[in-house]
PDB file of N, CA and C in Angstrom:
ATOM      1  N   MET A   1       0.838  -1.186   0.000  1.00  0.00           N
ATOM      2  CA  MET A   1       0.000   0.000   0.000  1.00  0.00           C
ATOM      3  C   MET A   1       0.874   1.237   0.000  1.00  0.00           C
ATOM      4  N   SER A   2       0.224   2.370  -0.207  1.00  0.00           N
ATOM      5  CA  SER A   2       0.977   3.622  -0.247  1.00  0.00           C
ATOM      6  C   SER A   2       1.221   4.126   1.176  1.00  0.00           C
ATOM      7  N   ASP A   3       2.132   5.067   1.285  1.00  0.00           N
ATOM      8  CA  ASP A   3       2.498   5.606   2.590  1.00  0.00           C
ATOM      9  C   ASP A   3       1.530   6.693   3.055  1.00  0.00           C
ATOM     10  N   THR A   4       0.762   7.264   2.125  1.00  0.00           N
ATOM     11  CA  THR A   4      -0.138   8.351   2.511  1.00  0.00           C
ATOM     12  C   THR A   4      -1.484   7.788   2.954  1.00  0.00           C
ATOM     13  N   PRO A   5      -2.055   8.375   3.988  1.00  0.00           N
ATOM     14  CA  PRO A   5      -3.363   7.890   4.459  1.00  0.00           C
ATOM     15  C   PRO A   5      -4.465   8.279   3.462  1.00  0.00           C
ATOM     16  N   ILE A   6      -5.514   7.493   3.447  1.00  0.00           N
ATOM     17  CA  ILE A   6      -6.646   7.733   2.561  1.00  0.00           C
ATOM     18  C   ILE A   6      -7.772   8.349   3.380  1.00  0.00           C
ATOM     19  N   ASN A   7      -8.311   9.440   2.863  1.00  0.00           N
ATOM     20  CA  ASN A   7      -9.443  10.068   3.526  1.00  0.00           C
ATOM     21  C   ASN A   7     -10.699   9.342   3.060  1.00  0.00           C
ATOM     22  N   LEU A   8     -11.243   8.497   3.927  1.00  0.00           N
ATOM     23  CA  LEU A   8     -12.394   7.679   3.559  1.00  0.00           C
ATOM     24  C   LEU A   8     -13.645   8.520   3.310  1.00  0.00           C
ATOM     25  N   ASN A   9     -13.742   9.676   3.946  1.00  0.00           N
ATOM     26  CA  ASN A   9     -14.887  10.550   3.732  1.00  0.00           C
ATOM     27  C   ASN A   9     -14.898  11.065   2.283  1.00  0.00           C
ATOM     28  N   LYS A  10     -13.748  11.427   1.762  1.00  0.00           N
ATOM     29  CA  LYS A  10     -13.668  11.898   0.377  1.00  0.00           C
ATOM     30  C   LYS A  10     -14.001  10.778  -0.601  1.00  0.00           C
ATOM     31  N   VAL A  11     -13.553   9.568  -0.301  1.00  0.00           N
ATOM     32  CA  VAL A  11     -13.849   8.432  -1.168  1.00  0.00           C
ATOM     33  C   VAL A  11     -15.351   8.158  -1.173  1.00  0.00           C
ATOM     34  N   ARG A  12     -15.961   8.204   0.011  1.00  0.00           N
ATOM     35  CA  ARG A  12     -17.397   7.966   0.113  1.00  0.00           C
ATOM     36  C   ARG A  12     -18.179   9.024  -0.651  1.00  0.00           C
ATOM     37  N   LYS A  13     -17.796  10.286  -0.530  1.00  0.00           N
ATOM     38  CA  LYS A  13     -18.491  11.365  -1.227  1.00  0.00           C
ATOM     39  C   LYS A  13     -18.291  11.271  -2.739  1.00  0.00           C
ATOM     40  N   ALA A  14     -17.106  10.900  -3.174  1.00  0.00           N
ATOM     41  CA  ALA A  14     -16.855  10.746  -4.609  1.00  0.00           C
ATOM     42  C   ALA A  14     -17.705   9.616  -5.175  1.00  0.00           C
ATOM     43  N   ARG A  15     -17.811   8.521  -4.447  1.00  0.00           N
ATOM     44  CA  ARG A  15     -18.634   7.402  -4.892  1.00  0.00           C
ATOM     45  C   ARG A  15     -20.103   7.818  -4.956  1.00  0.00           C
ATOM     46  N   ALA A  16     -20.562   8.613  -3.998  1.00  0.00           N
ATOM     47  CA  ALA A  16     -21.945   9.085  -3.989  1.00  0.00           C
ATOM     48  C   ALA A  16     -22.198  10.023  -5.167  1.00  0.00           C
ATOM     49  N   ARG A  17     -21.217  10.876  -5.520  1.00  0.00           N
ATOM     50  CA  ARG A  17     -21.370  11.772  -6.669  1.00  0.00           C
ATOM     51  C   ARG A  17     -21.507  10.996  -7.963  1.00  0.00           C
ATOM     52  N   VAL A  18     -20.714   9.946  -8.117  1.00  0.00           N
ATOM     53  CA  VAL A  18     -20.781   9.121  -9.321  1.00  0.00           C
ATOM     54  C   VAL A  18     -22.152   8.442  -9.417  1.00  0.00           C
ATOM     55  N   ALA A  19     -22.644   7.934  -8.297  1.00  0.00           N
ATOM     56  CA  ALA A  19     -23.947   7.277  -8.292  1.00  0.00           C
ATOM     57  C   ALA A  19     -25.064   8.278  -8.593  1.00  0.00           C
ATOM     58  N   ALA A  20     -24.969   9.484  -8.035  1.00  0.00           N
ATOM     59  CA  ALA A  20     -25.986  10.507  -8.280  1.00  0.00           C
ATOM     60  C   ALA A  20     -25.983  10.942  -9.737  1.00  0.00           C
ATOM     61  N   LYS A  21     -24.810  11.049 -10.327  1.00  0.00           N
ATOM     62  CA  LYS A  21     -24.725  11.436 -11.732  1.00  0.00           C
ATOM     63  C   LYS A  21     -25.332  10.354 -12.628  1.00  0.00           C
ATOM     64  N   ALA A  22     -25.083   9.102 -12.315  1.00  0.00           N
ATOM     65  CA  ALA A  22     -25.662   8.006 -13.084  1.00  0.00           C
ATOM     66  C   ALA A  22     -27.184   8.010 -12.964  1.00  0.00           C
ATOM     67  N   GLN A  23     -27.694   8.268 -11.765  1.00  0.00           N
ATOM     68  CA  GLN A  23     -29.140   8.343 -11.564  1.00  0.00           C
ATOM     69  C   GLN A  23     -29.726   9.515 -12.332  1.00  0.00           C
ATOM     70  N   ALA A  24     -29.042  10.644 -12.348  1.00  0.00           N
ATOM     71  CA  ALA A  24     -29.523  11.821 -13.071  1.00  0.00           C
ATOM     72  C   ALA A  24     -29.585  11.554 -14.567  1.00  0.00           C
ATOM     73  N   GLU A  25     -28.581  10.880 -15.100  1.00  0.00           N
ATOM     74  CA  GLU A  25     -28.580  10.560 -16.527  1.00  0.00           C
ATOM     75  C   GLU A  25     -29.716   9.605 -16.872  1.00  0.00           C
ATOM     76  N   ALA A  26     -29.995   8.655 -15.987  1.00  0.00           N
ATOM     77  CA  ALA A  26     -31.103   7.736 -16.213  1.00  0.00           C
ATOM     78  C   ALA A  26     -32.436   8.482 -16.174  1.00  0.00           C
ATOM     79  N   ASN A  27     -32.562   9.458 -15.284  1.00  0.00           N
ATOM     80  CA  ASN A  27     -33.790  10.242 -15.194  1.00  0.00           C
ATOM     81  C   ASN A  27     -33.988  11.105 -16.439  1.00  0.00           C
ATOM     82  N   VAL A  28     -32.907  11.635 -16.991  1.00  0.00           N
ATOM     83  CA  VAL A  28     -33.016  12.445 -18.206  1.00  0.00           C
ATOM     84  C   VAL A  28     -33.537  11.597 -19.350  1.00  0.00           C
ATOM     85  N   VAL A  29     -33.053  10.380 -19.447  1.00  0.00           N
ATOM     86  CA  VAL A  29     -33.514   9.490 -20.518  1.00  0.00           C
ATOM     87  C   VAL A  29     -34.984   9.140 -20.308  1.00  0.00           C
ATOM     88  N   ALA A  30     -35.364   8.888 -19.061  1.00  0.00           N
ATOM     89  CA  ALA A  30     -36.722   8.441 -18.787  1.00  0.00           C
ATOM     90  C   ALA A  30     -37.730   9.586 -18.809  1.00  0.00           C
ATOM     91  N   PHE A  31     -37.389  10.732 -18.259  1.00  0.00           N
ATOM     92  CA  PHE A  31     -38.367  11.791 -18.035  1.00  0.00           C
ATOM     93  C   PHE A  31     -38.028  13.106 -18.714  1.00  0.00           C
ATOM     94  N   GLY A  32     -36.855  13.245 -19.247  1.00  0.00           N
ATOM     95  CA  GLY A  32     -36.388  14.539 -19.713  1.00  0.00           C
ATOM     96  C   GLY A  32     -37.060  15.034 -20.972  1.00  0.00           C
ATOM     97  N   ARG A  33     -37.258  16.315 -21.011  1.00  0.00           N
ATOM     98  CA  ARG A  33     -37.745  16.990 -22.206  1.00  0.00           C
ATOM     99  C   ARG A  33     -36.849  18.188 -22.426  1.00  0.00           C
ATOM    100  N   GLY A  34     -36.631  18.510 -23.665  1.00  0.00           N
ATOM    101  CA  GLY A  34     -35.805  19.656 -23.976  1.00  0.00           C
ATOM    102  C   GLY A  34     -36.542  20.960 -23.724  1.00  0.00           C
ATOM    103  N   LYS A  35     -35.794  22.035 -23.696  1.00  0.00           N
ATOM    104  CA  LYS A  35     -36.366  23.348 -23.434  1.00  0.00           C
ATOM    105  C   LYS A  35     -37.360  23.735 -24.532  1.00  0.00           C
ATOM    106  N   LEU A  36     -37.034  23.439 -25.782  1.00  0.00           N
ATOM    107  CA  LEU A  36     -37.933  23.776 -26.885  1.00  0.00           C
ATOM    108  C   LEU A  36     -39.228  22.978 -26.806  1.00  0.00           C
ATOM    109  N   ARG A  37     -39.124  21.703 -26.455  1.00  0.00           N
ATOM    110  CA  ARG A  37     -40.323  20.870 -26.352  1.00  0.00           C
ATOM    111  C   ARG A  37     -41.209  21.341 -25.209  1.00  0.00           C
ATOM    112  N   THR A  38     -40.608  21.715 -24.090  1.00  0.00           N
ATOM    113  CA  THR A  38     -41.372  22.217 -22.955  1.00  0.00           C
ATOM    114  C   THR A  38     -42.086  23.505 -23.327  1.00  0.00           C
ATOM    115  N   ALA A  39     -41.389  24.407 -24.024  1.00  0.00           N
ATOM    116  CA  ALA A  39     -41.994  25.671 -24.432  1.00  0.00           C
ATOM    117  C   ALA A  39     -43.132  25.425 -25.421  1.00  0.00           C
ATOM    118  N   ALA A  40     -42.946  24.481 -26.330  1.00  0.00           N
ATOM    119  CA  ALA A  40     -43.988  24.174 -27.306  1.00  0.00           C
ATOM    120  C   ALA A  40     -45.226  23.615 -26.613  1.00  0.00           C
ATOM    121  N   GLU A  41     -45.041  22.749 -25.637  1.00  0.00           N
ATOM    122  CA  GLU A  41     -46.175  22.186 -24.903  1.00  0.00           C
ATOM    123  C   GLU A  41     -46.894  23.260 -24.101  1.00  0.00           C
ATOM    124  N   ARG A  42     -46.135  24.177 -23.514  1.00  0.00           N
ATOM    125  CA  ARG A  42     -46.737  25.268 -22.748  1.00  0.00           C
ATOM    126  C   ARG A  42     -47.558  26.169 -23.675  1.00  0.00           C
ATOM    127  N   GLU A  43     -47.027  26.468 -24.859  1.00  0.00           N
ATOM    128  CA  GLU A  43     -47.734  27.300 -25.835  1.00  0.00           C
ATOM    129  C   GLU A  43     -48.995  26.600 -26.332  1.00  0.00           C
ATOM    130  N   ALA A  44     -48.924  25.298 -26.560  1.00  0.00           N
ATOM    131  CA  ALA A  44     -50.102  24.552 -27.006  1.00  0.00           C
ATOM    132  C   ALA A  44     -51.193  24.577 -25.938  1.00  0.00           C
ATOM    133  N   ALA A  45     -50.813  24.462 -24.680  1.00  0.00           N
ATOM    134  CA  ALA A  45     -51.795  24.511 -23.596  1.00  0.00           C
ATOM    135  C   ALA A  45     -52.429  25.892 -23.517  1.00  0.00           C
ATOM    136  N   ALA A  46     -51.637  26.942 -23.666  1.00  0.00           N
ATOM    137  CA  ALA A  46     -52.169  28.302 -23.637  1.00  0.00           C
ATOM    138  C   ALA A  46     -53.099  28.537 -24.821  1.00  0.00           C
ATOM    139  N   ARG A  47     -52.744  28.005 -25.982  1.00  0.00           N
ATOM    140  CA  ARG A  47     -53.580  28.137 -27.172  1.00  0.00           C
ATOM    141  C   ARG A  47     -54.924  27.435 -26.963  1.00  0.00           C
ATOM    142  N   ALA A  48     -54.900  26.266 -26.338  1.00  0.00           N
ATOM    143  CA  ALA A  48     -56.132  25.531 -26.066  1.00  0.00           C
ATOM    144  C   ALA A  48     -57.025  26.301 -25.102  1.00  0.00           C
ATOM    145  N   VAL A  49     -56.434  26.931 -24.100  1.00  0.00           N
ATOM    146  CA  VAL A  49     -57.214  27.718 -23.142  1.00  0.00           C
ATOM    147  C   VAL A  49     -57.839  28.919 -23.842  1.00  0.00           C
ATOM    148  N   ARG A  50     -57.065  29.595 -24.691  1.00  0.00           N
ATOM    149  CA  ARG A  50     -57.601  30.744 -25.423  1.00  0.00           C
ATOM    150  C   ARG A  50     -58.742  30.308 -26.348  1.00  0.00           C
ATOM    151  N   ARG A  51     -58.570  29.182 -27.016  1.00  0.00           N
ATOM    152  CA  ARG A  51     -59.599  28.679 -27.917  1.00  0.00           C
ATOM    153  C   ARG A  51     -60.878  28.345 -27.142  1.00  0.00           C
ATOM    154  N   LEU A  52     -60.729  27.737 -25.984  1.00  0.00           N
ATOM    155  CA  LEU A  52     -61.883  27.390 -25.170  1.00  0.00           C
ATOM    156  C   LEU A  52     -62.558  28.643 -24.628  1.00  0.00           C
ATOM    157  N   ASP A  53     -61.782  29.624 -24.193  1.00  0.00           N
ATOM    158  CA  ASP A  53     -62.361  30.867 -23.688  1.00  0.00           C
ATOM    159  C   ASP A  53     -63.104  31.613 -24.789  1.00  0.00           C
ATOM    160  N   GLY A  54     -62.634  31.506 -26.014  1.00  0.00           N
ATOM    161  CA  GLY A  54     -63.299  32.180 -27.121  1.00  0.00           C
ATOM    162  C   GLY A  54     -64.645  31.559 -27.446  1.00  0.00           C
ATOM    163  N   LYS A  55     -64.858  30.331 -27.083  1.00  0.00           N
ATOM    164  CA  LYS A  55     -66.114  29.645 -27.368  1.00  0.00           C
ATOM    165  C   LYS A  55     -67.064  29.644 -26.172  1.00  0.00           C
ATOM    166  N   ALA A  56     -66.666  30.271 -25.081  1.00  0.00           N
ATOM    167  CA  ALA A  56     -67.502  30.271 -23.881  1.00  0.00           C
ATOM    168  C   ALA A  56     -68.733  31.129 -24.100  1.00  0.00           C
ATOM    169  N   LEU A  57     -69.838  30.677 -23.579  1.00  0.00           N
ATOM    170  CA  LEU A  57     -71.076  31.439 -23.631  1.00  0.00           C
ATOM    171  C   LEU A  57     -71.128  32.342 -22.416  1.00  0.00           C
ATOM    172  N   THR A  58     -71.540  33.579 -22.651  1.00  0.00           N
ATOM    173  CA  THR A  58     -71.665  34.512 -21.539  1.00  0.00           C
ATOM    174  C   THR A  58     -73.122  34.898 -21.402  1.00  0.00           C
ATOM    175  N   ARG A  59     -73.544  35.123 -20.206  1.00  0.00           N
ATOM    176  CA  ARG A  59     -74.913  35.550 -19.939  1.00  0.00           C
ATOM    177  C   ARG A  59     -74.870  36.976 -19.447  1.00  0.00           C
ATOM    178  N   GLY A  60     -75.605  37.810 -20.097  1.00  0.00           N
ATOM    179  CA  GLY A  60     -75.689  39.203 -19.680  1.00  0.00           C
ATOM    180  C   GLY A  60     -76.830  39.403 -18.697  1.00  0.00           C
ATOM    181  N   ALA A  61     -76.895  40.588 -18.110  1.00  0.00           N
ATOM    182  CA  ALA A  61     -77.947  40.895 -17.142  1.00  0.00           C
ATOM    183  C   ALA A  61     -79.284  41.067 -17.823  1.00  0.00           C
ATOM    184  N   ASP A  62     -79.317  41.387 -19.128  1.00  0.00           N
ATOM    185  CA  ASP A  62     -80.564  41.630 -19.829  1.00  0.00           C
ATOM    186  C   ASP A  62     -81.064  40.404 -20.596  1.00  0.00           C
ATOM    187  N   ASP A  63     -80.528  39.227 -20.317  1.00  0.00           N
ATOM    188  CA  ASP A  63     -80.968  38.014 -21.015  1.00  0.00           C
ATOM    189  C   ASP A  63     -82.368  37.579 -20.595  1.00  0.00           C
ATOM    190  N   GLY A  64     -82.745  37.909 -19.388  1.00  0.00           N
ATOM    191  CA  GLY A  64     -84.060  37.509 -18.907  1.00  0.00           C
ATOM    192  C   GLY A  64     -84.088  36.100 -18.395  1.00  0.00           C
ATOM    193  N   ASP A  65     -82.981  35.423 -18.348  1.00  0.00           N
ATOM    194  CA  ASP A  65     -82.919  34.054 -17.867  1.00  0.00           C
ATOM    195  C   ASP A  65     -82.367  34.034 -16.444  1.00  0.00           C
ATOM    196  N   GLU A  66     -83.120  34.603 -15.543  1.00  0.00           N
ATOM    197  CA  GLU A  66     -82.699  34.635 -14.151  1.00  0.00           C
ATOM    198  C   GLU A  66     -83.023  33.307 -13.482  1.00  0.00           C
ATOM    199  N   PRO A  67     -82.121  32.779 -12.710  1.00  0.00           N
ATOM    200  CA  PRO A  67     -82.423  31.524 -11.995  1.00  0.00           C
ATOM    201  C   PRO A  67     -83.520  31.772 -10.955  1.00  0.00           C
ATOM    202  N   ALA A  68     -84.352  30.792 -10.751  1.00  0.00           N
ATOM    203  CA  ALA A  68     -85.484  30.937  -9.845  1.00  0.00           C
ATOM    204  C   ALA A  68     -85.091  30.824  -8.406  1.00  0.00           C
TER     205      ALA A  68
END
């Protein structure tokens, strides 16, 4: 073995970093979406809300259809 002592805390933390990075890469493959795709989905949702709001029926005070 070498003459210098090994800091086991640093080894443990380095091993944990490697494991966390591997988990992060697996999560990107499984769940990740790019910035452009996220923006496109957000815009599509906003467009759907605008389209639905444009088709909403409104009741005015002079409609004469007051609830009983």
